[in-house]
């Protein structure tokens, strides 16, 4: 049986995240929400993330600014700002947000050495982070109508798909119920587990997938 893990990047957003949470609740599903600093700027956003946690979803540090990949600016200062400052912001505003997970900024789904610098890997190790990657990016922010078909093609052909969607007000999440219905019809298991090849670090320890992802994997085709 093929498996699917749902992840949502760059939120939360007041306009889109509540409906995503409701859709997941209606189906008894859990997901990973990868949040960025600018999306935690209001009390309403803090409340949404608190609600995510209370509903059993996983929260991921997805960097403070989401502007420059860590490998494109290898300075210690960049790693500290994007990882550590975001970590502190999450601690200060969310309290206990669960296990420490980080997702790098991949320039629209690209895989390669731009994902991390030596300084950022050292920082993640020091903070005992696990690192969440992906293997399906249907680019829902560019194709709010057609992303469903793109995502389904990956779900069908991969044993375990870690799907990147965005809980942002693009209109793309209007098709989330339809997508989930089609996944169910295909007999795909939706799980909150992630395959080893999409985990580049566990609790600060590098995995076999890390160097492969940074050096050998081609740019995502999605």
Protein backbone atom coordinates (compact mmCIF):
# COMPACT_ATOMS: atom_id res chain seq x y z
CA UNK A 1 0.00 0.00 0.00
CA UNK A 2 1.32 3.42 -0.97
CA UNK A 3 1.63 6.01 1.79
CA UNK A 4 1.20 9.79 1.91
CA UNK A 5 2.41 12.32 4.46
CA UNK A 6 0.85 15.78 4.29
CA UNK A 7 2.99 18.84 5.00
CA UNK A 8 1.96 22.50 4.76
CA UNK A 9 4.56 25.25 4.37
CA UNK A 10 4.84 29.00 5.00
CA UNK A 11 1.79 29.46 7.22
CA UNK A 12 -0.17 29.89 9.25
CA UNK A 13 -2.55 32.24 7.45
CA UNK A 14 -5.79 33.51 8.90
CA UNK A 15 -7.48 33.13 5.51
CA UNK A 16 -6.54 29.51 4.68
CA UNK A 17 -5.28 27.61 7.71
CA UNK A 18 -8.59 27.30 9.64
CA UNK A 19 -10.30 25.57 6.71
CA UNK A 20 -7.32 23.25 6.24
CA UNK A 21 -7.51 22.28 9.91
CA UNK A 22 -11.24 21.65 9.61
CA UNK A 23 -10.80 19.46 6.52
CA UNK A 24 -8.17 17.40 8.30
CA UNK A 25 -10.32 17.11 11.42
CA UNK A 26 -13.31 15.89 9.41
CA UNK A 27 -11.19 13.01 8.12
CA UNK A 28 -9.32 12.30 11.32
CA UNK A 29 -5.98 13.17 9.70
CA UNK A 30 -2.82 14.74 11.05
CA UNK A 31 -0.20 16.74 9.16
CA UNK A 32 3.05 18.65 9.52
CA UNK A 33 2.82 22.46 9.52
CA UNK A 34 6.09 24.19 8.64
CA UNK A 35 5.81 27.75 9.93
CA UNK A 36 7.90 30.83 9.16
CA UNK A 37 8.63 33.91 11.22
CA UNK A 38 6.53 36.47 9.38
CA UNK A 39 3.51 34.18 9.71
CA UNK A 40 3.78 34.28 13.51
CA UNK A 41 3.54 38.06 13.68
CA UNK A 42 0.01 38.33 15.13
CA UNK A 43 -1.85 36.93 18.14
CA UNK A 44 -4.30 35.29 15.74
CA UNK A 45 -1.44 33.39 14.12
CA UNK A 46 -0.11 32.27 17.49
CA UNK A 47 -3.57 30.98 18.34
CA UNK A 48 -3.76 29.02 15.11
CA UNK A 49 -0.46 27.27 15.80
CA UNK A 50 -1.54 26.54 19.36
CA UNK A 51 -4.68 25.00 17.89
CA UNK A 52 -2.59 22.90 15.50
CA UNK A 53 -0.68 21.49 18.45
CA UNK A 54 -3.83 20.78 20.44
CA UNK A 55 -5.30 18.89 17.45
CA UNK A 56 -2.26 16.62 17.25
CA UNK A 57 -0.43 18.13 14.28
CA UNK A 58 3.36 18.45 14.11
CA UNK A 59 4.98 21.91 14.07
CA UNK A 60 8.19 22.55 12.13
CA UNK A 61 10.65 25.45 12.19
CA UNK A 62 10.78 26.58 8.54
CA UNK A 63 13.18 29.52 9.09
CA UNK A 64 12.70 33.09 10.20
CA UNK A 65 12.57 34.92 6.86
CA UNK A 66 12.27 32.21 4.15
CA UNK A 67 14.32 34.39 1.79
CA UNK A 68 17.80 32.97 1.25
CA UNK A 69 18.63 29.24 1.39
CA UNK A 70 21.10 28.41 4.12
CA UNK A 71 23.67 27.11 1.64
CA UNK A 72 23.55 30.31 -0.42
CA UNK A 73 24.75 32.34 2.58
CA UNK A 74 27.15 30.11 4.53
CA UNK A 75 27.83 32.65 7.28
CA UNK A 76 27.32 31.85 10.94
CA UNK A 77 25.15 34.96 11.20
CA UNK A 78 22.70 33.67 8.59
CA UNK A 79 22.38 30.29 10.29
CA UNK A 80 21.83 31.96 13.65
CA UNK A 81 19.15 34.27 12.28
CA UNK A 82 17.19 31.73 10.28
CA UNK A 83 17.38 28.80 12.70
CA UNK A 84 18.14 30.07 16.19
CA UNK A 85 16.09 33.28 16.12
CA UNK A 86 13.11 31.38 14.73
CA UNK A 87 13.61 28.69 17.36
CA UNK A 88 13.59 31.33 20.10
CA UNK A 89 10.50 32.99 18.61
CA UNK A 90 8.66 29.68 18.60
CA UNK A 91 9.70 28.91 22.17
CA UNK A 92 8.65 32.36 23.34
CA UNK A 93 5.28 32.44 21.58
CA UNK A 94 4.24 28.78 21.54
CA UNK A 95 5.74 27.27 24.66
CA UNK A 96 6.06 23.51 24.21
CA UNK A 97 5.68 22.94 20.47
CA UNK A 98 6.85 19.33 20.49
CA UNK A 99 9.94 17.66 19.08
CA UNK A 100 12.37 19.95 17.28
CA UNK A 101 11.99 19.64 13.52
CA UNK A 102 13.39 21.94 10.84
CA UNK A 103 12.57 22.20 7.12
CA UNK A 104 15.01 24.11 4.89
CA UNK A 105 14.01 26.66 2.27
CA UNK A 106 14.48 24.92 -1.10
CA UNK A 107 13.74 27.63 -3.68
CA UNK A 108 10.44 26.14 -4.79
CA UNK A 109 11.29 22.50 -4.22
CA UNK A 110 14.89 22.31 -5.44
CA UNK A 111 17.18 19.78 -3.77
CA UNK A 112 20.92 20.24 -3.59
CA UNK A 113 23.84 21.87 -1.76
CA UNK A 114 22.00 25.18 -1.46
CA UNK A 115 19.83 23.66 1.29
CA UNK A 116 22.47 23.82 4.03
CA UNK A 117 25.81 25.32 4.96
CA UNK A 118 28.31 23.78 7.35
CA UNK A 119 27.35 26.47 9.87
CA UNK A 120 23.65 25.64 9.62
CA UNK A 121 24.26 21.89 10.00
CA UNK A 122 26.40 22.59 13.06
CA UNK A 123 23.63 24.77 14.50
CA UNK A 124 20.98 22.11 13.92
CA UNK A 125 23.23 19.51 15.52
CA UNK A 126 23.83 21.72 18.55
CA UNK A 127 20.08 22.24 19.00
CA UNK A 128 19.33 18.51 18.46
CA UNK A 129 17.01 19.15 15.52
CA UNK A 130 15.58 16.59 13.15
CA UNK A 131 15.31 17.70 9.51
CA UNK A 132 12.27 17.13 7.30
CA UNK A 133 12.65 17.05 3.52
CA UNK A 134 10.13 16.20 0.75
CA UNK A 135 9.74 14.22 -2.46
CA UNK A 136 6.70 15.90 -4.03
CA UNK A 137 6.19 19.61 -4.71
CA UNK A 138 3.16 20.15 -6.98
CA UNK A 139 3.69 23.92 -6.84
CA UNK A 140 0.19 24.69 -5.61
CA UNK A 141 1.09 28.37 -5.17
CA UNK A 142 1.63 28.66 -8.94
CA UNK A 143 -1.08 26.22 -10.04
CA UNK A 144 -3.97 26.45 -7.56
CA UNK A 145 -6.25 24.45 -9.86
CA UNK A 146 -3.93 21.86 -11.40
CA UNK A 147 -1.82 20.85 -8.40
CA UNK A 148 -4.16 17.98 -7.51
CA UNK A 149 -3.38 16.01 -10.64
CA UNK A 150 0.35 16.65 -10.25
CA UNK A 151 0.31 15.48 -6.65
CA UNK A 152 -1.75 12.38 -7.44
CA UNK A 153 0.78 11.35 -10.08
CA UNK A 154 3.49 11.32 -7.41
CA UNK A 155 1.30 9.54 -4.87
CA UNK A 156 0.60 6.77 -7.38
CA UNK A 157 4.21 6.25 -8.46
CA UNK A 158 6.04 6.59 -5.11
CA UNK A 159 5.92 4.14 -2.23
CA UNK A 160 5.78 6.96 0.32
CA UNK A 161 5.13 10.54 -0.76
CA UNK A 162 5.98 13.49 1.48
CA UNK A 163 3.85 16.18 -0.13
CA UNK A 164 4.53 19.91 0.16
CA UNK A 165 1.41 22.09 0.09
CA UNK A 166 0.89 25.64 1.36
CA UNK A 167 -1.84 26.79 3.77
CA UNK A 168 -1.88 30.22 2.14
CA UNK A 169 -4.71 32.25 0.53
CA UNK A 170 -3.97 31.29 -3.08
CA UNK A 171 -7.21 29.34 -3.56
CA UNK A 172 -5.28 26.07 -3.90
CA UNK A 173 -6.58 24.63 -0.65
CA UNK A 174 -10.15 24.83 -1.98
CA UNK A 175 -9.28 21.58 -3.77
CA UNK A 176 -7.87 19.87 -0.66
CA UNK A 177 -11.10 17.94 0.11
CA UNK A 178 -11.27 16.70 -3.48
CA UNK A 179 -7.62 15.66 -3.37
CA UNK A 180 -8.08 13.74 -0.12
CA UNK A 181 -11.17 12.02 -1.48
CA UNK A 182 -9.22 10.85 -4.53
CA UNK A 183 -6.34 9.64 -2.35
CA UNK A 184 -8.84 7.65 -0.31
CA UNK A 185 -10.36 6.14 -3.45
CA UNK A 186 -6.89 4.99 -4.50
CA UNK A 187 -6.47 3.15 -1.21
CA UNK A 188 -3.45 5.23 -0.19
CA UNK A 189 -2.65 5.32 3.54
CA UNK A 190 -2.28 8.84 4.93
CA UNK A 191 0.19 8.77 7.79
CA UNK A 192 2.10 11.24 9.94
CA UNK A 193 5.25 9.14 9.69
CA UNK A 194 8.02 10.13 7.27
CA UNK A 195 10.29 7.81 5.28
CA UNK A 196 13.98 7.67 6.14
CA UNK A 197 14.99 9.18 2.81
CA UNK A 198 13.15 12.39 3.73
CA UNK A 199 14.76 12.71 7.17
CA UNK A 200 18.21 14.24 6.84
CA UNK A 201 18.94 14.46 10.55
CA UNK A 202 17.41 12.88 13.65
CA UNK A 203 17.81 14.66 16.97
CA UNK A 204 21.02 16.28 15.80
CA UNK A 205 22.52 13.14 14.27
CA UNK A 206 23.16 13.05 10.54
CA UNK A 207 21.39 10.28 8.61
CA UNK A 208 22.48 8.39 5.51
CA UNK A 209 20.04 10.53 3.50
CA UNK A 210 21.78 13.82 4.33
CA UNK A 211 24.82 13.77 2.07
CA UNK A 212 22.83 12.15 -0.71
CA UNK A 213 20.30 14.98 -0.63
CA UNK A 214 22.94 17.69 -0.56
CA UNK A 215 25.20 16.30 -3.24
CA UNK A 216 23.58 13.71 -5.47
CA UNK A 217 19.86 14.42 -5.79
CA UNK A 218 18.75 16.33 -8.90
CA UNK A 219 16.43 19.31 -8.85
CA UNK A 220 12.85 18.32 -8.15
CA UNK A 221 10.94 17.81 -11.38
CA UNK A 222 7.72 19.23 -9.91
